[in-house]
Amino acid sequence: MNQQLTLYHCPHSRSTGVLTLLEELHAPYELHVMNMKKGENREPAYLAINPMGKVPAIRHGDAIVTEQVAIYLYLADLFPQAKLAPPLGDPLRGPYLRWMAFYGSCFEPAIVDQWMKNKPADKQACHYGDYDTMFNTLVEQLSKGPYLLGEQFSALDVLWATAFRWMLMFGIVPKLPVIEAYVQRVNSRPAAIAAHEKDGALAAEQAAAA
């Protein structure tokens, strides 16, 4: 790949999942590390990259991609040799896109509403329907395992297992055996271990410099 690929990263944040994905893809990349506790992701230099001030974001040549689902889709297609995204024409391409979209459009909004104890919206008007139906639909798919696309490991699993890992730690999702086993399965892969070690070292450096 001729164009430089940069991940704008804050340790122990959503961008840890993209770091893991880059390791899974064996992609050449550079890290632009920021300290979220110091608000470096809210400074003008980064707001020029993402006005929302959120991580992750990537720059690939002149292209800037924000929003984590978009980043996962972009990177997995950028490195097809890693086979982490079913190609066009593959019967799994549709389910792959479905569960990518489900994360951002249904899962996270429902989880936040539940966690914040927001009053449930009318099921007919709410974009994710209701929490129980959303969560049961997801658990049913996970139960088919071992991965969200059955036997095929994909970028989907990096996204979901990274999110579940943090949510289990903070009690945001229930500790169901199917979820715990899934998280263990994905996060015991060499790429995930390498990414978490790198992320932990960066966090430790920032803490020591504080």
N, C-alpha and C. Protein backbone atom coordinates (compact mmCIF):
# COMPACT_ATOMS: atom_id res chain seq x y z
N MET A 1 0.86 -1.19 0.00
CA MET A 1 0.00 0.00 0.00
C MET A 1 0.89 1.23 0.00
N ASN A 2 0.70 2.11 -0.97
CA ASN A 2 1.57 3.26 -1.13
C ASN A 2 1.18 4.43 -0.23
N GLN A 3 -0.11 4.56 0.08
CA GLN A 3 -0.56 5.69 0.86
C GLN A 3 -0.44 5.40 2.35
N GLN A 4 0.03 6.40 3.09
CA GLN A 4 0.21 6.23 4.53
C GLN A 4 -1.13 6.08 5.23
N LEU A 5 -1.17 5.17 6.18
CA LEU A 5 -2.36 4.91 6.97
C LEU A 5 -2.07 5.28 8.42
N THR A 6 -2.86 6.20 8.97
CA THR A 6 -2.66 6.67 10.34
C THR A 6 -3.93 6.46 11.15
N LEU A 7 -3.76 5.89 12.34
CA LEU A 7 -4.87 5.76 13.28
C LEU A 7 -4.72 6.81 14.37
N TYR A 8 -5.74 7.64 14.53
CA TYR A 8 -5.79 8.61 15.63
C TYR A 8 -6.38 7.88 16.83
N HIS A 9 -5.58 7.77 17.87
CA HIS A 9 -5.85 6.79 18.91
C HIS A 9 -5.72 7.37 20.31
N CYS A 10 -6.67 7.02 21.16
CA CYS A 10 -6.57 7.26 22.60
C CYS A 10 -6.60 5.91 23.28
N PRO A 11 -5.62 5.60 24.14
CA PRO A 11 -5.65 4.31 24.83
C PRO A 11 -6.92 4.13 25.64
N HIS A 12 -7.32 2.87 25.75
CA HIS A 12 -8.50 2.49 26.52
C HIS A 12 -9.75 3.25 26.06
N SER A 13 -9.97 3.22 24.77
CA SER A 13 -11.14 3.87 24.18
C SER A 13 -11.64 3.00 23.04
N ARG A 14 -12.64 3.50 22.32
CA ARG A 14 -13.16 2.75 21.18
C ARG A 14 -12.10 2.48 20.12
N SER A 15 -11.09 3.32 20.07
CA SER A 15 -10.07 3.12 19.04
C SER A 15 -9.20 1.89 19.30
N THR A 16 -9.29 1.31 20.50
CA THR A 16 -8.56 0.07 20.77
C THR A 16 -9.02 -1.04 19.83
N GLY A 17 -10.30 -1.05 19.51
CA GLY A 17 -10.81 -2.06 18.58
C GLY A 17 -10.21 -1.91 17.20
N VAL A 18 -10.06 -0.68 16.72
CA VAL A 18 -9.46 -0.47 15.41
C VAL A 18 -7.98 -0.83 15.43
N LEU A 19 -7.32 -0.56 16.53
CA LEU A 19 -5.93 -1.00 16.70
C LEU A 19 -5.85 -2.53 16.56
N THR A 20 -6.79 -3.21 17.19
CA THR A 20 -6.85 -4.68 17.09
C THR A 20 -7.09 -5.12 15.66
N LEU A 21 -8.01 -4.44 14.98
CA LEU A 21 -8.30 -4.79 13.60
C LEU A 21 -7.07 -4.62 12.71
N LEU A 22 -6.34 -3.54 12.90
CA LEU A 22 -5.12 -3.32 12.12
C LEU A 22 -4.11 -4.44 12.34
N GLU A 23 -4.02 -4.92 13.58
CA GLU A 23 -3.13 -6.05 13.86
C GLU A 23 -3.63 -7.32 13.17
N GLU A 24 -4.94 -7.53 13.19
CA GLU A 24 -5.52 -8.70 12.51
C GLU A 24 -5.27 -8.64 11.00
N LEU A 25 -5.31 -7.45 10.45
CA LEU A 25 -5.13 -7.27 9.01
C LEU A 25 -3.66 -7.32 8.59
N HIS A 26 -2.75 -7.30 9.58
CA HIS A 26 -1.30 -7.20 9.31
C HIS A 26 -1.03 -5.98 8.45
N ALA A 27 -1.71 -4.88 8.79
CA ALA A 27 -1.62 -3.66 8.00
C ALA A 27 -0.46 -2.78 8.46
N PRO A 28 0.24 -2.13 7.54
CA PRO A 28 1.23 -1.13 7.92
C PRO A 28 0.50 0.15 8.34
N TYR A 29 0.79 0.65 9.52
CA TYR A 29 0.09 1.84 9.99
C TYR A 29 0.98 2.62 10.96
N GLU A 30 0.61 3.88 11.13
CA GLU A 30 1.24 4.73 12.14
C GLU A 30 0.18 5.14 13.15
N LEU A 31 0.61 5.34 14.38
CA LEU A 31 -0.29 5.78 15.43
C LEU A 31 -0.08 7.25 15.72
N HIS A 32 -1.16 7.99 15.79
CA HIS A 32 -1.14 9.35 16.31
C HIS A 32 -1.85 9.27 17.66
N VAL A 33 -1.06 9.24 18.72
CA VAL A 33 -1.61 8.97 20.06
C VAL A 33 -1.96 10.28 20.76
N MET A 34 -3.14 10.29 21.37
CA MET A 34 -3.59 11.46 22.13
C MET A 34 -3.98 11.02 23.53
N ASN A 35 -3.93 11.97 24.45
CA ASN A 35 -4.31 11.72 25.83
C ASN A 35 -5.71 12.27 26.05
N MET A 36 -6.68 11.38 26.17
CA MET A 36 -8.06 11.82 26.32
C MET A 36 -8.28 12.53 27.65
N LYS A 37 -7.56 12.10 28.69
CA LYS A 37 -7.73 12.73 30.00
C LYS A 37 -7.26 14.18 30.00
N LYS A 38 -6.34 14.49 29.11
CA LYS A 38 -5.88 15.88 28.97
C LYS A 38 -6.69 16.65 27.93
N GLY A 39 -7.66 15.97 27.32
CA GLY A 39 -8.50 16.65 26.34
C GLY A 39 -7.84 16.91 25.01
N GLU A 40 -6.79 16.14 24.71
CA GLU A 40 -6.07 16.39 23.45
C GLU A 40 -6.94 16.10 22.23
N ASN A 41 -7.94 15.25 22.40
CA ASN A 41 -8.85 14.96 21.30
C ASN A 41 -9.86 16.08 21.08
N ARG A 42 -9.84 17.09 21.94
CA ARG A 42 -10.73 18.25 21.79
C ARG A 42 -9.97 19.50 21.35
N GLU A 43 -8.69 19.34 21.08
CA GLU A 43 -7.88 20.49 20.66
C GLU A 43 -8.06 20.72 19.16
N PRO A 44 -7.80 21.96 18.70
CA PRO A 44 -8.06 22.30 17.30
C PRO A 44 -7.40 21.37 16.29
N ALA A 45 -6.20 20.88 16.59
CA ALA A 45 -5.49 20.03 15.62
C ALA A 45 -6.29 18.78 15.31
N TYR A 46 -6.89 18.19 16.34
CA TYR A 46 -7.67 16.98 16.08
C TYR A 46 -9.08 17.30 15.61
N LEU A 47 -9.65 18.40 16.07
CA LEU A 47 -10.98 18.78 15.60
C LEU A 47 -10.98 19.05 14.10
N ALA A 48 -9.82 19.37 13.55
CA ALA A 48 -9.72 19.53 12.10
C ALA A 48 -9.84 18.18 11.39
N ILE A 49 -9.52 17.10 12.12
CA ILE A 49 -9.68 15.75 11.59
C ILE A 49 -11.10 15.27 11.79
N ASN A 50 -11.58 15.39 13.02
CA ASN A 50 -12.95 15.00 13.36
C ASN A 50 -13.57 16.07 14.25
N PRO A 51 -14.44 16.89 13.71
CA PRO A 51 -15.05 17.96 14.50
C PRO A 51 -15.83 17.46 15.71
N MET A 52 -16.18 16.17 15.73
CA MET A 52 -16.88 15.60 16.87
C MET A 52 -15.94 15.37 18.05
N GLY A 53 -14.63 15.36 17.77
CA GLY A 53 -13.66 15.14 18.84
C GLY A 53 -13.60 13.71 19.33
N LYS A 54 -14.15 12.78 18.54
CA LYS A 54 -14.20 11.39 18.95
C LYS A 54 -13.07 10.59 18.29
N VAL A 55 -12.67 9.52 18.96
CA VAL A 55 -11.82 8.51 18.34
C VAL A 55 -12.62 7.22 18.28
N PRO A 56 -12.29 6.37 17.30
CA PRO A 56 -11.18 6.43 16.36
C PRO A 56 -11.48 7.31 15.15
N ALA A 57 -10.38 7.65 14.47
CA ALA A 57 -10.44 8.21 13.12
C ALA A 57 -9.20 7.70 12.41
N ILE A 58 -9.28 7.59 11.11
CA ILE A 58 -8.11 7.19 10.34
C ILE A 58 -7.91 8.17 9.20
N ARG A 59 -6.66 8.30 8.81
CA ARG A 59 -6.32 9.02 7.58
C ARG A 59 -5.59 8.04 6.67
N HIS A 60 -6.08 7.91 5.46
CA HIS A 60 -5.44 7.05 4.46
C HIS A 60 -5.17 7.91 3.24
N GLY A 61 -3.92 8.33 3.11
CA GLY A 61 -3.61 9.29 2.05
C GLY A 61 -4.36 10.58 2.32
N ASP A 62 -5.19 11.01 1.40
CA ASP A 62 -5.98 12.23 1.57
C ASP A 62 -7.37 11.95 2.14
N ALA A 63 -7.69 10.69 2.34
CA ALA A 63 -9.03 10.33 2.84
C ALA A 63 -9.03 10.27 4.36
N ILE A 64 -10.04 10.89 4.95
CA ILE A 64 -10.25 10.80 6.40
C ILE A 64 -11.56 10.05 6.63
N VAL A 65 -11.50 9.05 7.49
CA VAL A 65 -12.69 8.27 7.81
C VAL A 65 -12.91 8.32 9.31
N THR A 66 -14.13 8.70 9.72
CA THR A 66 -14.52 8.68 11.12
C THR A 66 -15.72 7.74 11.28
N GLU A 67 -16.17 7.56 12.50
CA GLU A 67 -17.26 6.64 12.86
C GLU A 67 -16.74 5.20 12.75
N GLN A 68 -16.76 4.51 13.88
CA GLN A 68 -16.05 3.25 13.94
C GLN A 68 -16.56 2.19 12.97
N VAL A 69 -17.86 2.10 12.76
CA VAL A 69 -18.37 1.10 11.81
C VAL A 69 -17.85 1.39 10.41
N ALA A 70 -17.84 2.65 10.00
CA ALA A 70 -17.30 3.03 8.70
C ALA A 70 -15.82 2.66 8.60
N ILE A 71 -15.09 2.85 9.68
CA ILE A 71 -13.66 2.53 9.68
C ILE A 71 -13.43 1.03 9.53
N TYR A 72 -14.22 0.24 10.24
CA TYR A 72 -14.08 -1.22 10.12
C TYR A 72 -14.36 -1.67 8.69
N LEU A 73 -15.42 -1.15 8.10
CA LEU A 73 -15.76 -1.51 6.72
C LEU A 73 -14.65 -1.10 5.76
N TYR A 74 -14.15 0.11 5.94
CA TYR A 74 -13.12 0.65 5.05
C TYR A 74 -11.85 -0.19 5.13
N LEU A 75 -11.39 -0.46 6.34
CA LEU A 75 -10.12 -1.16 6.50
C LEU A 75 -10.21 -2.62 6.05
N ALA A 76 -11.29 -3.29 6.39
CA ALA A 76 -11.40 -4.70 6.01
C ALA A 76 -11.45 -4.86 4.50
N ASP A 77 -12.07 -3.90 3.80
CA ASP A 77 -12.08 -3.94 2.33
C ASP A 77 -10.75 -3.50 1.74
N LEU A 78 -10.03 -2.67 2.46
CA LEU A 78 -8.74 -2.16 1.97
C LEU A 78 -7.68 -3.26 1.94
N PHE A 79 -7.81 -4.24 2.82
CA PHE A 79 -6.84 -5.34 2.89
C PHE A 79 -7.56 -6.68 2.66
N PRO A 80 -8.01 -6.91 1.42
CA PRO A 80 -8.81 -8.12 1.14
C PRO A 80 -8.04 -9.41 1.36
N GLN A 81 -6.71 -9.34 1.31
CA GLN A 81 -5.92 -10.56 1.47
C GLN A 81 -6.08 -11.17 2.86
N ALA A 82 -6.51 -10.35 3.84
CA ALA A 82 -6.72 -10.86 5.20
C ALA A 82 -8.03 -11.62 5.33
N LYS A 83 -8.92 -11.45 4.37
CA LYS A 83 -10.20 -12.17 4.32
C LYS A 83 -11.04 -11.94 5.58
N LEU A 84 -11.09 -10.68 6.02
CA LEU A 84 -11.91 -10.32 7.17
C LEU A 84 -13.22 -9.66 6.76
N ALA A 85 -13.47 -9.57 5.45
CA ALA A 85 -14.73 -9.02 4.94
C ALA A 85 -15.16 -9.85 3.74
N PRO A 86 -16.33 -10.48 3.80
CA PRO A 86 -16.82 -11.21 2.62
C PRO A 86 -16.92 -10.26 1.43
N PRO A 87 -16.41 -10.64 0.28
CA PRO A 87 -16.45 -9.75 -0.89
C PRO A 87 -17.84 -9.68 -1.49
N LEU A 88 -18.04 -8.69 -2.37
CA LEU A 88 -19.29 -8.59 -3.11
C LEU A 88 -19.54 -9.90 -3.85
N GLY A 89 -20.78 -10.36 -3.80
CA GLY A 89 -21.12 -11.62 -4.44
C GLY A 89 -21.08 -12.81 -3.51
N ASP A 90 -20.38 -12.68 -2.38
CA ASP A 90 -20.35 -13.74 -1.38
C ASP A 90 -21.68 -13.72 -0.62
N PRO A 91 -22.30 -14.89 -0.40
CA PRO A 91 -23.57 -14.92 0.34
C PRO A 91 -23.49 -14.33 1.74
N LEU A 92 -22.29 -14.27 2.31
CA LEU A 92 -22.14 -13.72 3.66
C LEU A 92 -21.98 -12.20 3.67
N ARG A 93 -21.88 -11.60 2.47
CA ARG A 93 -21.68 -10.14 2.44
C ARG A 93 -22.88 -9.41 3.05
N GLY A 94 -24.09 -9.85 2.73
CA GLY A 94 -25.28 -9.22 3.29
C GLY A 94 -25.35 -9.33 4.80
N PRO A 95 -25.22 -10.55 5.39
CA PRO A 95 -25.19 -10.66 6.85
C PRO A 95 -24.06 -9.85 7.49
N TYR A 96 -22.93 -9.80 6.83
CA TYR A 96 -21.80 -9.01 7.34
C TYR A 96 -22.18 -7.54 7.47
N LEU A 97 -22.79 -6.99 6.41
CA LEU A 97 -23.21 -5.59 6.46
C LEU A 97 -24.34 -5.40 7.46
N ARG A 98 -25.22 -6.37 7.55
CA ARG A 98 -26.33 -6.27 8.49
C ARG A 98 -25.83 -6.10 9.91
N TRP A 99 -24.90 -6.96 10.35
CA TRP A 99 -24.45 -6.91 11.74
C TRP A 99 -23.52 -5.73 12.01
N MET A 100 -22.85 -5.23 10.97
CA MET A 100 -22.10 -3.99 11.12
C MET A 100 -23.08 -2.84 11.39
N ALA A 101 -24.12 -2.75 10.57
CA ALA A 101 -25.09 -1.67 10.73
C ALA A 101 -25.86 -1.82 12.04
N PHE A 102 -26.16 -3.04 12.43
CA PHE A 102 -26.92 -3.31 13.66
C PHE A 102 -26.20 -2.75 14.89
N TYR A 103 -24.86 -2.81 14.85
CA TYR A 103 -24.10 -2.30 15.99
C TYR A 103 -24.38 -0.83 16.23
N GLY A 104 -24.26 -0.02 15.18
CA GLY A 104 -24.41 1.42 15.34
C GLY A 104 -25.85 1.90 15.39
N SER A 105 -26.74 1.21 14.66
CA SER A 105 -28.11 1.70 14.55
C SER A 105 -29.03 1.18 15.64
N CYS A 106 -28.73 0.00 16.17
CA CYS A 106 -29.61 -0.62 17.17
C CYS A 106 -28.92 -0.86 18.51
N PHE A 107 -27.79 -1.55 18.48
CA PHE A 107 -27.17 -1.99 19.73
C PHE A 107 -26.72 -0.85 20.62
N GLU A 108 -25.84 0.02 20.11
CA GLU A 108 -25.31 1.09 20.98
C GLU A 108 -26.41 2.03 21.47
N PRO A 109 -27.34 2.49 20.61
CA PRO A 109 -28.40 3.37 21.12
C PRO A 109 -29.24 2.69 22.21
N ALA A 110 -29.55 1.40 22.02
CA ALA A 110 -30.35 0.69 23.02
C ALA A 110 -29.59 0.51 24.32
N ILE A 111 -28.31 0.18 24.21
CA ILE A 111 -27.47 0.00 25.40
C ILE A 111 -27.37 1.30 26.18
N VAL A 112 -27.16 2.41 25.49
CA VAL A 112 -27.05 3.71 26.16
C VAL A 112 -28.36 4.07 26.86
N ASP A 113 -29.47 3.86 26.18
CA ASP A 113 -30.77 4.15 26.81
C ASP A 113 -30.96 3.32 28.07
N GLN A 114 -30.59 2.05 27.98
CA GLN A 114 -30.75 1.16 29.14
C GLN A 114 -29.83 1.59 30.27
N TRP A 115 -28.58 1.89 29.94
CA TRP A 115 -27.58 2.26 30.95
C TRP A 115 -27.94 3.58 31.63
N MET A 116 -28.44 4.55 30.83
CA MET A 116 -28.79 5.86 31.36
C MET A 116 -30.19 5.88 31.99
N LYS A 117 -30.86 4.73 31.92
CA LYS A 117 -32.23 4.62 32.46
C LYS A 117 -33.19 5.62 31.80
N ASN A 118 -32.98 5.83 30.50
CA ASN A 118 -33.88 6.69 29.75
C ASN A 118 -35.24 6.02 29.62
N LYS A 119 -36.27 6.81 29.61
CA LYS A 119 -37.61 6.27 29.45
C LYS A 119 -37.74 5.63 28.07
N PRO A 120 -38.15 4.36 28.00
CA PRO A 120 -38.25 3.70 26.70
C PRO A 120 -39.22 4.42 25.77
N ALA A 121 -38.81 4.57 24.53
CA ALA A 121 -39.69 5.17 23.52
C ALA A 121 -40.73 4.13 23.09
N ASP A 122 -41.79 4.60 22.50
CA ASP A 122 -42.78 3.69 21.96
C ASP A 122 -42.12 2.76 20.93
N LYS A 123 -42.39 1.47 21.05
CA LYS A 123 -41.73 0.48 20.19
C LYS A 123 -41.93 0.77 18.72
N GLN A 124 -43.08 1.28 18.36
CA GLN A 124 -43.37 1.55 16.95
C GLN A 124 -42.59 2.75 16.42
N ALA A 125 -42.18 3.66 17.31
CA ALA A 125 -41.48 4.87 16.89
C ALA A 125 -39.97 4.76 17.06
N CYS A 126 -39.53 3.92 17.98
CA CYS A 126 -38.10 3.83 18.30
C CYS A 126 -37.34 3.12 17.18
N HIS A 127 -36.20 3.67 16.81
CA HIS A 127 -35.44 3.12 15.68
C HIS A 127 -34.88 1.74 15.95
N TYR A 128 -34.75 1.34 17.21
CA TYR A 128 -34.29 -0.02 17.49
C TYR A 128 -35.41 -0.91 18.03
N GLY A 129 -36.62 -0.42 18.01
CA GLY A 129 -37.75 -1.21 18.52
C GLY A 129 -37.79 -1.15 20.03
N ASP A 130 -37.36 -2.22 20.67
CA ASP A 130 -37.24 -2.22 22.12
C ASP A 130 -35.99 -2.99 22.52
N TYR A 131 -35.50 -2.73 23.72
CA TYR A 131 -34.22 -3.30 24.17
C TYR A 131 -34.24 -4.81 24.16
N ASP A 132 -35.25 -5.41 24.73
CA ASP A 132 -35.27 -6.87 24.86
C ASP A 132 -35.24 -7.57 23.51
N THR A 133 -36.04 -7.08 22.56
CA THR A 133 -36.03 -7.69 21.23
C THR A 133 -34.67 -7.53 20.58
N MET A 134 -34.09 -6.33 20.68
CA MET A 134 -32.76 -6.09 20.12
C MET A 134 -31.74 -7.06 20.72
N PHE A 135 -31.72 -7.16 22.05
CA PHE A 135 -30.69 -7.96 22.72
C PHE A 135 -30.89 -9.45 22.45
N ASN A 136 -32.13 -9.91 22.46
CA ASN A 136 -32.40 -11.32 22.21
C ASN A 136 -32.05 -11.72 20.78
N THR A 137 -32.27 -10.79 19.84
CA THR A 137 -31.90 -11.03 18.44
C THR A 137 -30.40 -11.23 18.31
N LEU A 138 -29.64 -10.41 19.01
CA LEU A 138 -28.18 -10.51 18.99
C LEU A 138 -27.70 -11.80 19.65
N VAL A 139 -28.24 -12.11 20.81
CA VAL A 139 -27.81 -13.32 21.53
C VAL A 139 -28.12 -14.57 20.72
N GLU A 140 -29.26 -14.57 20.04
CA GLU A 140 -29.61 -15.71 19.20
C GLU A 140 -28.57 -15.91 18.09
N GLN A 141 -28.12 -14.81 17.50
CA GLN A 141 -27.10 -14.91 16.45
C GLN A 141 -25.77 -15.40 17.03
N LEU A 142 -25.37 -14.86 18.19
CA LEU A 142 -24.13 -15.29 18.82
C LEU A 142 -24.17 -16.77 19.17
N SER A 143 -25.34 -17.26 19.54
CA SER A 143 -25.47 -18.66 19.96
C SER A 143 -25.22 -19.64 18.83
N LYS A 144 -25.32 -19.16 17.58
CA LYS A 144 -25.06 -20.02 16.43
C LYS A 144 -23.57 -20.25 16.27
N GLY A 145 -22.75 -19.32 16.73
CA GLY A 145 -21.31 -19.30 16.81
C GLY A 145 -20.57 -20.19 15.80
N PRO A 146 -19.24 -20.23 15.98
CA PRO A 146 -18.48 -19.55 17.03
C PRO A 146 -18.33 -18.03 16.81
N TYR A 147 -18.62 -17.58 15.59
CA TYR A 147 -18.51 -16.15 15.29
C TYR A 147 -19.85 -15.63 14.77
N LEU A 148 -19.95 -14.35 14.56
CA LEU A 148 -21.22 -13.79 14.12
C LEU A 148 -21.62 -14.28 12.73
N LEU A 149 -20.65 -14.66 11.92
CA LEU A 149 -20.94 -15.23 10.60
C LEU A 149 -20.77 -16.74 10.62
N GLY A 150 -20.99 -17.34 11.78
CA GLY A 150 -20.85 -18.78 11.88
C GLY A 150 -19.39 -19.19 12.02
N GLU A 151 -18.91 -19.98 11.09
CA GLU A 151 -17.53 -20.46 11.18
C GLU A 151 -16.51 -19.42 10.71
N GLN A 152 -16.95 -18.39 10.03
CA GLN A 152 -16.02 -17.41 9.44
C GLN A 152 -15.76 -16.25 10.39
N PHE A 153 -14.52 -16.12 10.83
CA PHE A 153 -14.10 -14.95 11.60
C PHE A 153 -14.00 -13.76 10.67
N SER A 154 -14.44 -12.59 11.15
CA SER A 154 -14.41 -11.39 10.31
C SER A 154 -14.17 -10.15 11.16
N ALA A 155 -14.09 -9.01 10.48
CA ALA A 155 -13.94 -7.73 11.18
C ALA A 155 -15.09 -7.47 12.13
N LEU A 156 -16.25 -8.04 11.84
CA LEU A 156 -17.39 -7.94 12.75
C LEU A 156 -17.01 -8.35 14.17
N ASP A 157 -16.30 -9.45 14.26
CA ASP A 157 -16.00 -10.02 15.58
C ASP A 157 -15.03 -9.15 16.37
N VAL A 158 -14.15 -8.46 15.67
CA VAL A 158 -13.27 -7.52 16.37
C VAL A 158 -14.09 -6.38 16.97
N LEU A 159 -15.01 -5.85 16.18
CA LEU A 159 -15.87 -4.76 16.66
C LEU A 159 -16.69 -5.20 17.87
N TRP A 160 -17.42 -6.29 17.72
CA TRP A 160 -18.35 -6.71 18.77
C TRP A 160 -17.63 -7.22 20.02
N ALA A 161 -16.59 -8.00 19.84
CA ALA A 161 -15.91 -8.56 21.02
C ALA A 161 -15.18 -7.48 21.80
N THR A 162 -14.64 -6.47 21.10
CA THR A 162 -14.00 -5.37 21.80
C THR A 162 -15.02 -4.60 22.63
N ALA A 163 -16.18 -4.34 22.04
CA ALA A 163 -17.23 -3.63 22.77
C ALA A 163 -17.72 -4.44 23.96
N PHE A 164 -17.98 -5.71 23.74
CA PHE A 164 -18.46 -6.56 24.83
C PHE A 164 -17.44 -6.65 25.96
N ARG A 165 -16.17 -6.68 25.61
CA ARG A 165 -15.13 -6.78 26.64
C ARG A 165 -15.24 -5.64 27.64
N TRP A 166 -15.39 -4.41 27.13
CA TRP A 166 -15.49 -3.26 28.02
C TRP A 166 -16.83 -3.24 28.76
N MET A 167 -17.88 -3.61 28.04
CA MET A 167 -19.21 -3.57 28.65
C MET A 167 -19.36 -4.60 29.77
N LEU A 168 -18.73 -5.75 29.60
CA LEU A 168 -18.74 -6.75 30.68
C LEU A 168 -17.99 -6.24 31.90
N MET A 169 -16.87 -5.56 31.66
CA MET A 169 -16.06 -5.04 32.77
C MET A 169 -16.85 -4.06 33.61
N PHE A 170 -17.69 -3.27 32.98
CA PHE A 170 -18.44 -2.23 33.69
C PHE A 170 -19.89 -2.62 33.97
N GLY A 171 -20.22 -3.88 33.72
CA GLY A 171 -21.56 -4.36 34.04
C GLY A 171 -22.65 -3.76 33.18
N ILE A 172 -22.30 -3.35 31.96
CA ILE A 172 -23.28 -2.71 31.08
C ILE A 172 -24.13 -3.74 30.35
N VAL A 173 -23.56 -4.92 30.10
CA VAL A 173 -24.33 -6.02 29.53
C VAL A 173 -24.26 -7.20 30.50
N PRO A 174 -25.28 -8.06 30.51
CA PRO A 174 -25.27 -9.20 31.43
C PRO A 174 -24.17 -10.21 31.08
N LYS A 175 -23.63 -10.85 32.10
CA LYS A 175 -22.55 -11.82 31.90
C LYS A 175 -23.12 -13.18 31.50
N LEU A 176 -23.67 -13.23 30.31
CA LEU A 176 -24.19 -14.48 29.79
C LEU A 176 -23.04 -15.35 29.31
N PRO A 177 -23.09 -16.66 29.53
CA PRO A 177 -22.01 -17.53 29.08
C PRO A 177 -21.69 -17.40 27.59
N VAL A 178 -22.72 -17.21 26.75
CA VAL A 178 -22.48 -17.11 25.32
C VAL A 178 -21.68 -15.85 24.99
N ILE A 179 -21.91 -14.77 25.72
CA ILE A 179 -21.16 -13.53 25.48
C ILE A 179 -19.74 -13.66 26.03
N GLU A 180 -19.60 -14.19 27.23
CA GLU A 180 -18.28 -14.34 27.83
C GLU A 180 -17.39 -15.26 27.00
N ALA A 181 -17.96 -16.35 26.51
CA ALA A 181 -17.18 -17.28 25.69
C ALA A 181 -16.75 -16.63 24.37
N TYR A 182 -17.64 -15.85 23.81
CA TYR A 182 -17.34 -15.14 22.56
C TYR A 182 -16.21 -14.14 22.75
N VAL A 183 -16.30 -13.36 23.81
CA VAL A 183 -15.25 -12.38 24.10
C VAL A 183 -13.91 -13.07 24.31
N GLN A 184 -13.91 -14.16 25.06
CA GLN A 184 -12.67 -14.90 25.31
C GLN A 184 -12.10 -15.46 24.00
N ARG A 185 -12.97 -15.98 23.16
CA ARG A 185 -12.55 -16.59 21.90
C ARG A 185 -11.85 -15.57 21.00
N VAL A 186 -12.45 -14.39 20.88
CA VAL A 186 -11.89 -13.38 19.97
C VAL A 186 -10.67 -12.70 20.59
N ASN A 187 -10.73 -12.41 21.86
CA ASN A 187 -9.64 -11.65 22.49
C ASN A 187 -8.44 -12.51 22.88
N SER A 188 -8.54 -13.82 22.67
CA SER A 188 -7.37 -14.67 22.89
C SER A 188 -6.56 -14.87 21.61
N ARG A 189 -7.01 -14.27 20.52
CA ARG A 189 -6.26 -14.34 19.27
C ARG A 189 -4.97 -13.52 19.39
N PRO A 190 -3.90 -13.94 18.72
CA PRO A 190 -2.62 -13.23 18.84
C PRO A 190 -2.71 -11.75 18.53
N ALA A 191 -3.49 -11.36 17.53
CA ALA A 191 -3.59 -9.95 17.16
C ALA A 191 -4.23 -9.15 18.28
N ALA A 192 -5.26 -9.70 18.91
CA ALA A 192 -5.93 -9.00 20.02
C ALA A 192 -4.98 -8.86 21.20
N ILE A 193 -4.25 -9.91 21.50
CA ILE A 193 -3.30 -9.85 22.61
C ILE A 193 -2.24 -8.78 22.35
N ALA A 194 -1.70 -8.76 21.12
CA ALA A 194 -0.68 -7.76 20.78
C ALA A 194 -1.23 -6.35 20.87
N ALA A 195 -2.45 -6.15 20.40
CA ALA A 195 -3.05 -4.81 20.43
C ALA A 195 -3.30 -4.36 21.86
N HIS A 196 -3.81 -5.25 22.71
CA HIS A 196 -4.08 -4.88 24.10
C HIS A 196 -2.78 -4.59 24.87
N GLU A 197 -1.73 -5.33 24.53
CA GLU A 197 -0.44 -5.05 25.17
C GLU A 197 0.09 -3.68 24.75
N LYS A 198 -0.03 -3.38 23.46
CA LYS A 198 0.41 -2.07 22.97
C LYS A 198 -0.43 -0.95 23.60
N ASP A 199 -1.74 -1.17 23.67
CA ASP A 199 -2.64 -0.19 24.25
C ASP A 199 -2.33 0.04 25.73
N GLY A 200 -2.09 -1.05 26.45
CA GLY A 200 -1.77 -0.94 27.87
C GLY A 200 -0.47 -0.19 28.11
N ALA A 201 0.52 -0.43 27.25
CA ALA A 201 1.80 0.27 27.38
C ALA A 201 1.64 1.77 27.14
N LEU A 202 0.82 2.12 26.16
CA LEU A 202 0.57 3.54 25.88
C LEU A 202 -0.16 4.21 27.04
N ALA A 203 -1.13 3.50 27.61
CA ALA A 203 -1.86 4.04 28.75
C ALA A 203 -0.94 4.24 29.95
N ALA A 204 -0.02 3.28 30.15
CA ALA A 204 0.92 3.38 31.25
C ALA A 204 1.87 4.56 31.07
N GLU A 205 2.30 4.80 29.83
CA GLU A 205 3.16 5.94 29.54
C GLU A 205 2.46 7.25 29.86
N GLN A 206 1.21 7.34 29.49
CA GLN A 206 0.46 8.56 29.76
C GLN A 206 0.24 8.76 31.25
N ALA A 207 -0.03 7.67 31.96
CA ALA A 207 -0.23 7.78 33.41
C ALA A 207 1.06 8.20 34.11
N ALA A 208 2.20 7.67 33.64
CA ALA A 208 3.47 8.02 34.25
C ALA A 208 3.86 9.46 34.01
N ALA A 209 3.40 10.01 32.88
CA ALA A 209 3.74 11.38 32.54
C ALA A 209 2.79 12.38 33.17
N ALA A 210 1.73 11.90 33.77
CA ALA A 210 0.72 12.81 34.35
C ALA A 210 1.26 13.48 35.61
